[in-house]
Protein backbone atom coordinates (compact mmCIF):
# COMPACT_ATOMS: atom_id res chain seq x y z
CA MET A 1 -3.89 6.98 -24.42
CA SER A 2 -1.60 9.70 -23.12
CA GLY A 3 -1.24 10.15 -19.36
CA LYS A 4 -0.86 13.95 -19.64
CA ILE A 5 -3.44 16.22 -18.02
CA PHE A 6 -4.37 19.20 -20.16
CA THR A 7 -5.17 22.52 -18.49
CA PRO A 8 -7.93 24.49 -20.23
CA THR A 9 -6.63 27.45 -22.21
CA ASN A 10 -8.50 29.91 -19.99
CA GLN A 11 -6.82 28.57 -16.84
CA LYS A 12 -3.42 29.48 -15.43
CA LEU A 13 -2.38 28.21 -12.01
CA LEU A 14 -0.11 30.27 -9.73
CA THR A 15 1.14 29.76 -6.18
CA ASN A 16 2.71 31.84 -3.39
CA VAL A 17 1.00 35.05 -4.43
CA VAL A 18 -0.84 38.06 -3.04
CA VAL A 19 -4.10 38.48 -4.92
CA VAL A 20 -5.30 42.03 -5.59
CA LYS A 21 -9.05 42.15 -6.28
CA LEU A 22 -11.17 44.85 -7.87
CA LYS A 23 -14.89 44.78 -8.63
CA LYS A 24 -15.71 46.89 -11.68
CA GLY A 25 -18.61 46.92 -14.11
CA GLY A 26 -20.41 44.29 -12.06
CA LYS A 27 -17.56 41.76 -12.38
CA ARG A 28 -14.59 40.85 -10.20
CA PHE A 29 -11.07 41.02 -11.59
CA GLU A 30 -7.90 39.77 -9.92
CA ILE A 31 -4.16 39.97 -10.51
CA ALA A 32 -1.36 37.91 -8.94
CA CYS A 33 1.48 39.86 -7.32
CA TYR A 34 4.70 39.09 -5.46
CA LYS A 35 4.23 39.36 -1.70
CA ASN A 36 7.25 41.56 -1.12
CA LYS A 37 6.42 43.97 -3.94
CA ILE A 38 2.76 44.94 -3.64
CA VAL A 39 3.27 47.18 -0.59
CA ALA A 40 6.38 48.71 -2.16
CA TRP A 41 4.26 49.62 -5.20
CA ARG A 42 1.55 51.20 -3.07
CA ASN A 43 4.21 53.20 -1.22
CA LYS A 44 5.70 54.45 -4.53
CA ILE A 45 8.99 52.67 -3.80
CA GLU A 46 8.71 50.08 -6.55
CA LYS A 47 7.75 51.58 -9.93
CA ASN A 48 8.57 48.70 -12.27
CA LEU A 49 5.31 46.87 -12.97
CA GLU A 50 7.14 43.72 -14.09
CA GLU A 51 8.72 43.44 -10.63
CA VAL A 52 5.30 43.50 -8.97
CA LEU A 53 3.23 41.18 -11.16
CA GLN A 54 3.80 37.44 -11.29
CA THR A 55 2.07 37.57 -14.68
CA GLU A 56 0.39 40.31 -16.70
CA THR A 57 -2.68 38.09 -16.94
CA VAL A 58 -5.94 39.40 -15.45
CA PHE A 59 -8.07 36.74 -13.76
CA THR A 60 -11.62 36.36 -12.54
CA ASN A 61 -10.28 33.91 -9.95
CA VAL A 62 -6.53 33.51 -9.36
CA SER A 63 -6.82 30.47 -7.08
CA ARG A 64 -8.70 28.53 -9.76
CA GLY A 65 -6.62 29.94 -12.58
CA GLU A 66 -9.63 31.40 -14.38
CA VAL A 67 -8.55 34.10 -16.85
CA ALA A 68 -10.79 37.11 -17.52
CA LYS A 69 -12.29 37.41 -20.98
CA GLY A 70 -10.99 40.18 -23.21
CA ALA A 71 -14.49 41.47 -23.90
CA ASP A 72 -15.24 41.81 -20.18
CA LEU A 73 -11.96 43.69 -19.61
CA LYS A 74 -12.67 46.06 -22.49
CA LYS A 75 -16.17 46.77 -21.22
CA ALA A 76 -15.11 47.37 -17.61
CA PHE A 77 -11.87 49.34 -18.17
CA ASN A 78 -12.51 50.93 -21.60
CA THR A 79 -9.17 49.57 -22.81
CA ASP A 80 -7.60 46.28 -23.80
CA ASP A 81 -4.13 47.38 -22.66
CA LEU A 82 -3.32 44.83 -19.95
CA ASN A 83 -0.61 47.04 -18.41
CA LYS A 84 -3.08 49.90 -17.87
CA ILE A 85 -5.70 47.49 -16.52
CA CYS A 86 -3.21 45.94 -14.07
CA VAL A 87 -2.16 49.40 -12.85
CA GLN A 88 -5.82 50.30 -12.16
CA ILE A 89 -6.32 47.09 -10.20
CA LEU A 90 -3.06 47.65 -8.29
CA GLU A 91 -4.00 51.19 -7.33
CA LYS A 92 -7.68 50.68 -6.49
CA GLY A 93 -7.95 47.00 -5.60
CA GLU A 94 -7.97 45.26 -2.22
CA PHE A 95 -5.52 42.66 -0.93
CA GLN A 96 -4.71 40.84 2.29
CA LEU A 97 -1.37 40.16 3.93
CA SER A 98 -0.51 37.91 6.85
CA GLU A 99 0.16 39.58 10.20
CA LYS A 100 3.89 38.96 9.80
CA GLU A 101 3.90 40.47 6.29
CA ARG A 102 1.88 43.46 7.47
CA GLN A 103 4.28 44.09 10.35
CA THR A 104 7.30 43.82 8.04
CA ALA A 105 5.72 46.39 5.72
CA LEU A 106 5.00 48.75 8.63
CA ASN A 107 8.57 48.44 9.93
CA SER A 108 9.92 49.19 6.47
CA LYS A 109 7.71 52.27 6.13
CA PHE A 110 8.67 53.47 9.62
CA THR A 111 12.33 53.44 8.56
CA GLU A 112 11.46 55.15 5.27
CA ILE A 113 9.65 57.94 7.14
CA ALA A 114 12.63 58.40 9.46
CA SER A 115 14.94 58.57 6.44
CA ASN A 116 12.73 61.26 4.90
CA VAL A 117 12.74 63.24 8.14
CA SER A 118 16.54 63.05 8.24
CA THR A 119 16.77 64.33 4.65
CA MET A 120 14.18 67.08 5.03
CA SER A 121 15.28 68.57 8.36
CA ILE A 122 18.27 69.69 10.42
CA ASN A 123 19.29 70.36 13.98
CA PRO A 124 19.24 74.20 14.05
CA SER A 125 22.10 74.26 16.55
CA THR A 126 24.51 72.30 14.36
CA GLN A 127 22.90 72.98 10.95
CA ARG A 128 23.33 69.28 10.22
CA PRO A 129 20.74 66.52 9.69
CA TYR A 130 19.98 64.01 12.41
CA PRO A 131 21.07 60.39 11.79
CA VAL A 132 18.19 58.11 10.81
CA SER A 133 18.71 55.98 13.92
CA LEU A 134 18.26 59.03 16.16
CA VAL A 135 15.12 60.05 14.27
CA GLU A 136 13.72 56.53 14.68
CA LYS A 137 14.33 56.68 18.44
CA ALA A 138 12.68 60.10 18.70
CA MET A 139 9.68 58.79 16.72
CA LYS A 140 9.35 55.80 19.04
CA ASP A 141 9.61 58.02 22.12
CA ALA A 142 6.86 60.24 20.67
CA HIS A 143 4.71 57.12 20.05
CA ILE A 144 4.34 57.93 16.36
CA SER A 145 2.47 55.25 14.45
CA VAL A 146 2.66 54.52 10.73
CA LYS A 147 -0.32 55.13 8.45
CA PRO A 148 -0.12 52.35 5.79
CA ASN A 149 -2.12 54.22 3.15
CA LYS A 150 -0.29 57.54 3.42
CA SER A 151 3.00 58.26 1.68
CA ALA A 152 6.21 58.32 3.70
CA LYS A 153 6.95 61.89 2.55
CA GLN A 154 3.57 63.17 3.75
CA GLN A 155 4.02 61.46 7.10
CA ALA A 156 7.58 62.79 7.42
CA LEU A 157 6.27 66.36 7.22
CA GLU A 158 3.78 65.57 9.99
CA VAL A 159 6.46 63.85 12.07
CA ILE A 160 8.75 66.90 11.93
CA LYS A 161 5.97 69.01 13.48
CA VAL A 162 5.48 66.46 16.27
CA LEU A 163 9.21 66.08 16.98
CA LYS A 164 9.58 69.83 17.51
CA GLU A 165 8.01 69.22 20.91
CA SER A 166 10.83 66.91 22.00
CA ILE A 167 13.99 67.76 20.01
CA PRO A 168 15.36 70.88 18.26
CA ILE A 169 14.45 70.34 14.63
CA GLU A 170 13.47 72.47 11.65
CA ARG A 171 12.89 72.06 7.92
CA VAL A 172 15.84 72.42 5.57
CA LYS A 173 15.69 75.72 3.71
CA MET A 174 15.88 75.29 -0.06
CA LYS A 175 17.57 77.60 -2.53
CA ILE A 176 15.41 78.35 -5.56
CA LYS A 177 16.33 80.32 -8.68
CA ILE A 178 13.64 81.93 -10.81
CA SER A 179 14.30 83.53 -14.20
CA MET A 180 11.91 85.46 -16.44
CA THR A 181 11.83 88.34 -18.88
CA MET A 182 11.75 91.87 -17.47
CA SER A 183 8.33 92.48 -19.04
CA ASP A 184 6.90 89.53 -17.10
CA ALA A 185 8.81 90.48 -13.95
CA LYS A 186 7.19 93.92 -13.85
CA LYS A 187 3.83 92.24 -13.37
CA CYS A 188 4.68 89.84 -10.55
CA LYS A 189 8.21 90.27 -9.12
CA ASP A 190 6.95 91.72 -5.81
CA GLN A 191 4.59 88.77 -5.33
CA ILE A 192 7.37 86.31 -6.15
CA LYS A 193 9.84 87.92 -3.75
CA GLY A 194 7.19 87.79 -1.04
CA LEU A 195 7.19 83.97 -1.24
CA PHE A 196 10.80 83.73 -0.03
CA LEU A 197 12.15 84.10 3.49
CA THR A 198 15.38 85.61 2.16
CA VAL A 199 16.35 86.96 -1.25
CA ILE A 200 20.03 86.23 -1.78
CA SER A 201 20.49 88.21 -4.98
CA GLU A 202 18.71 89.88 -7.86
CA ASP A 203 19.96 90.30 -11.42
CA HIS A 204 18.38 92.76 -13.85
CA ASP A 205 20.86 92.37 -16.70
CA GLY A 206 18.45 91.79 -19.58
CA GLN A 207 16.15 89.55 -17.53
CA PHE A 208 14.90 89.18 -14.00
CA GLU A 209 16.57 86.54 -11.81
CA VAL A 210 16.04 85.97 -8.12
């Protein structure tokens, strides 16, 4: 008799994972993700699904290796596309990290917010952006805390408003070019021009450009 132990075909054992869980259609579904990638996905940093998932398998219980039935997945998610199902679980599911992992993720997002602030703003006196390290120090001095479930870009816009109280800082002004036919321009050019702080030039040679 063989000494091999056979694993049932509906079982798949994984280790060293973060489990993302979602209850849908009265059943619980789980996926196994890499610890260092799940937060990056939620923060829109990592966009490659293959880098986040340890396997594209959907489970009912990751720790026991119990794989979800195809019929249950189809009924709950209205699709049998495992990629689309995994994305839904990633975006809407719940997961837990250790305190150390959570703090690492917060530190990473803090730096990402500071980097966004540096890119999106300038010192009005020098017309140059602040270094990220200086932005980080100003954020710490202002006791700004990171919101894990809010994007770094959104928080950067809020941070710029707060930092105005402690350092000279303003948003970078963007140059935008709009082109349209003269017939369309007659209807809305005044409204369009009113959206800009400064109009650098206008061109009426055959079409309207601003």
